[in-house]
Each structure stands twice: as structure tokens, then as C-alpha cells.
Amino acid sequence: MSESLDKTTSPSSAGSRATPPGAEEDRDEGHDVSDTFYTSQRKKGSHVFRVRLDATGFTLQRESPGGSIVKEQRVRIGDIVGARCMRPKKSRRLVMSGACACSSGNPNSPAISASGDHHRSATTPSKCSANSRENLPSDGGDVSAFLYVFAYVLKKRSLRSELHRERTVLTLRFRSFDTFEDNMREADRWYRSLRWQLHRTLEDIFVAPATDERRRRILVLLNPKSGSGDAREVFNMHVTPVLNEAEVPYDLYVTKHSNFAIEFMSTKCLDAWCCVVAVGGDGLFHEIINGLLQRQDWAHVLPHLALGIIPCGSGNGLARSIAHCYNEPYFTKPVLGAALTVISGRSSPMDVVRVQLQSRSVYSFLSIGWGLISDVDIESERIRLLGYQRFTIWTLYRLVNLRTYNGRISYLLTEEQGSSSHSHSGYAGQRRIQSSRSCNTHVDLLTGAVPSYHSSAEYLPQEFADVISLETSVNQSFRSRCDSWLSGGSRRSFYYSISESIYHSLADESEFTGLAAASLENRQQNYGPTSELPDLDEPLPEDQGWLVEEGEFIMMHAVYQTHLGIDCHFAPKARLNDGTIYLILIRAGISRPHLLSFLYNMSSGTHLPEVSTEWVKVLPVRAFRLEPLDNHGIITVDGERVEFGPLQAEVLPGIARVMVPN
């Protein structure tokens, strides 16, 4: 969608007045601007518009011949991602893709066309300045300058359709002056005013401490094996254009093997980046969280580093949960919504759960599972190529071949629930902990088959020339973007080029990689917040309100996000930062129709009873301990398989920050 407004008359006195060339160059960028434009249409005639830009966004008021307001339209500042100043071009393709006419990276740019040498590197100014507009071709005598404003507004195609984000381009044409330089100077003034308004909406951690308030760089970690293996293509085609429209500089790293992100986040200096974006599934995000909490300076880094995710995995529970909590459309264009979240400049505290295993500790942001759902999550890896549908298929298979597990689950209710637990009918089957035993129980580690991965298709950089060239001199030179995106030998970004990137699955990791991963796991116990729970091999204190459930179970699942997957609304009451673990227990003896109804209704979030029943219990807790009494089973943390055996978990309220929509 594109809206074009033309301005040919002298600017009005209200708001911002056009000034002679060279005057008021250093005017405060924070002032609101307004002017009068008109549209010229052969069929509908001409319309006069009063356009104003302020802290709320763009306001377009259509005026009648008498001067009264006929219609008003608004474009929210939260829906605007960026803008470009350009000169008139014959090629509409580059205009709509966001390439600047002044950019030396544009093969059709005036700076290159005027010299006739397309191979010579030109020096690109830091903005669309006068230096970049000298000796421009007249282009048929048109001296107009254009400001293209890129916005993604909420739209609804029909009454029955869902809301979705639709790209809208607002075009403002400036031609009040006799020369292109003067008109471009006026367009640039509007651009700078919009940029100032946009930066006012950013949190401090996203803005570089400089006078021009440039955005800080973001770090992108991409897992080429996530989901169906198309993370590279998704990033190239759907994320890069949004980042460039918003003028957000980034550095891209492709993961090389399992635990690559843990090693990267725990050892690299992160001062250059304001946020870390995971392009992949929940497993990559899990590695990022654990890498950060292996750092000695974790307490300093976490408050100043936001985390984001672009959903390219099979489950995508975190991305779906963030969109749900902020009423952001997801299903129509999930990647677009996540990309807009990444550039929003807003973040929220997020709970993290410390999970103590027998040999190490890990940190979790999504869930801990034992039983049915964990079985489905891990065993369905053998049909991974089916994408998200693999969960549905394997759930039906496991429902027919139902398993039960014997175990003991101790837990501490949240403070609100703990005060009313004695009178609540939902906890009738619980009992106080008595003579708690240690967890030094012998268990056999399972040796399940490692899922086989298939390499994703390789894409030549030139196939995405239109995407990669989305760069203007307002941001940085095209050469620096090539260093950040294409070059395998870049000194600045250390980006692994597509031709050199070889992903090592768990089955073919080198001995060195295995030793490195083992050392990372051992080192992880040394950092992060201090635990308030006794060690796993120590008995639980009887005087702190621990409750116990013991017997045969179909499953136990502890969740702290609303969704486990794109259509698995598992914990409707969960919030990003509520300090609560929702512990779901299903006991053996439940009928298959009842269990099938539970699984079927997970997509709508109506599967959980309002009050806990004999077979299904919903327990809001702040800590729990699981002691399997069998020597077989599967335990998962954030969908990743961990060693089988006893574990305990406690919530760490709001210690991480996650990026959220505007």
C-alpha cells in the first residue's frame, strides 16, 4: 500500500516553514513539523491535505475547498519503522525497496552514474547531505525531492479475517524550490524530525550515547538447522528488509555446531550490542540464556542487553507467547511481527528458572517436562522434516501407546496460593512433606538415537541483491553492510559466509567440540544468582511449606510462558514476569477420552480445569523437586533433552529482558 502527497506551493506559516537555502540548518530536530500537500488524481480530482508530524505520528487531514476538515487519517508513531529521502527515479523497484538514490552501494545512484565508472568505490556521506547531491542529473527537469515513510499498520481484510500488519508507504513530494538541493534539504528536515520522534520512543539501552542518537548495533545469531532448515532464507527475505528500513545496524553470526551460542555468549565481549536476536527455535534461545548466565559479569550484562527471537523453529513457543501477551497478530505473518518486535526499542523483564540436575545446572525460559509431552517432543525428532505437524502425529501415536511413570513431586506454592491451600478443594490430594529423602537414586541414562539433520539449501548472495542493497547513506556505507553481511573475512563482524558455514549435528561433533561443551556445562554452576534451595542431594526442610504428590503419572509439565508452541496455549494465566511456575500434573488412571480432550483443547487454552481434579492438577508454584522412581523416561528443559534423574527448579523473577512489541 502506498500513499503519495505532493507539495508544490510554498509551505504554510503554521508548524514548520520552508526556509531559503542554508538557513536554519541546525534547527532543533525535536520540533514538530507540518505543511500543506495535495494529491492529483485524474478521476477523483485534486485534494488538499494538511500533514503534521508530532510525537503521536503523522496526521493527514483532507481539507475541503472552504478550508474545513473533511477526513482525518493517522499513522501511529509506533507503527512507523523509518524513512528515506530520495530523488525522483525511473525505477520504482528501488524506491519501494528502500534504496537511497544517494547511496554509493546503489548501482543506479547518481554518484556512480555521473562518473560512468560502476566499479570505482565512491565515498558515501554520513547523511543525504549537500555533498551527495552535487552535480546530479536533472532527470528530465524534475527537481522534486521525496520522503518515503515506511509503516506497518494493523489492517483487517474483512469482518471475518484476523488482524494483520500491512506495509504502508507514505510518500511526501517536495518541490517548492527551484533546485533539487533546496527541496532535498526540506525533505531531509522532515526526515530528521521523524527520526528524532522515533528515537524518543526507544529505551536508553537501544540508543548510542552520541549527539545524533544513532541506534546501537544488534547481534543476530542464526541457526541454519532450525525447523525445516530455511532460517537463512527467512532472514534474507523477511527480516533484513525491515532492519534496513528501520536503519538498525546488525552483525550476523551463523551457528556452527551445538552449544555454539553458549560458547559465544559466555566468552565474547558484548559491549558493542544492545540486544541479541535468535533466528531459529527455542533451542537457540535456550543456549543464549545459558551462555549469558555463565558469564562472571552476568549481573551487569543482563539488565543492559535485551533478547529477541525470530521464529524459525518447530515449536516457537516464546515468540508466540510474546505476541499473545501484547495482543500482536501472529498467525498471518509471524516472522514480520517478530522482526517489528526486534526493532521496537522496547523490552520487558522476563522470568528465568534455574534447573539443578545431578551433574550440572541449566537455566530455562519456557518449560520443564517429564512424561507424555516430553516423549512427543523428543521422539518426534525422527519425523522432523514434517515441521510443526510432527507433534500432532506423534501425540496420536503416543496416546494409543500410553505410558505411565512412577515418581515423587515436591513443590512450594506461590505466596498467594500457599495462604489458601488448606481450604482450597483443588489440593485435596496433597500432603505435607515428611522425612524427605535425598535424591541419590541410581538411574540409567537413556541412549536414544540422535535426530538426523538435513542441510538447508544454499543461497547465493546475488539472488538477494534487492534485499542486501537496502542501505542508505543515512545509516552507513554500503561497503560496511557488505562487510557485515556477505564477507567471510570481515574484520568487524566475523560473519561466516554461506559457502563456509557447515553445521555439525550432535552425531558428528569433533572430540574438541565435545570437550568444550563439557567444560561449559561444568563452568555453568559457578555463576548466576545464588540458589535459595537446598542441594539436590539434601532433604527438603519440613518447616517451609513443601507439599508432595506421589504415585503414577502420565506427565508432569512445568510452564512459565503462555504457549509451548504456535497452537499450544498451555498456560493461559502465565505472564513474562509474574514469578510463577505453572505445574501441571496428570495422574495415571485418567481415561483416554478425557486425556484426548485435554490434548485437543490445548490449542485454545481451555484444557485446564478451573479447580484441580483427581486426575488433572494445576499448581502455581515458585519451586519444585522431581524425583523419578523409575529408571527410564525422558526429561526436557525448553524442549531439549537433559539427563534423566532427579531435578529441582526455582523461579528467578525478571532477571532477563526480552524485546516486546510497541
Foldseek 3Di string as FASTA:
>chain_A
DEAAWEDAAFWDPPFDGQDPPPPPLVPDLQGKHKGKTWDADPPPGIWIWIWIQHLQGIKTFTADPVGDTDDIDGAGLQFWQAKAKEDDDPDVLLVVLQFHLLALLDQNHQVCVVVVDSPDRDDFALHCAPVSVPPGDCVVVDLKMKMWIWGFDWDAPDPPGDIDTDIYIYIYIFHHDRHNNSNSSVSVSVRSSSVVSLLVQADPLQFDPDPSRDGFEEEEEEECQAFLRCLVVCCLPAQLSSCLRNLHHYFYAYQQEPLSLLVCLQPDDPVRHQEYEYRHALSSVQSNVLSLQLHPVSLVVFVRYAYAYQYDHQFRFVLLLQCVVVVHDDDVPPRNSRSQLVSSNDKFFFKKKWKDDPQFIGIFRWKKKWFLQLCQLPVLLQVSNVGNCSSVVVSVVCLVVFDKFFWKKKFAFDPVCLVCVVVAPLCPPKDADDPFAAFPDDFDWDDDDFRDTDHDDFDDPVVSSSSLSSHHSNNPHSVVSCLRAADCPRPPRNYHHRVRRHHDYPVDDDPVVVVVVVVSRNSSRVGDDDDPFDDRRDGGDRPNRMMMDGTMFNMKMKTQGQGRGNQQRPNVPHDRFPLWIWIKTFGPPDDSVLVVQLVVCRSVHPNADPGHDPGIHIGTGFKMKMATPDNDTFMDGSSHTDTDGIMMMGMDGRSHMYRHRD
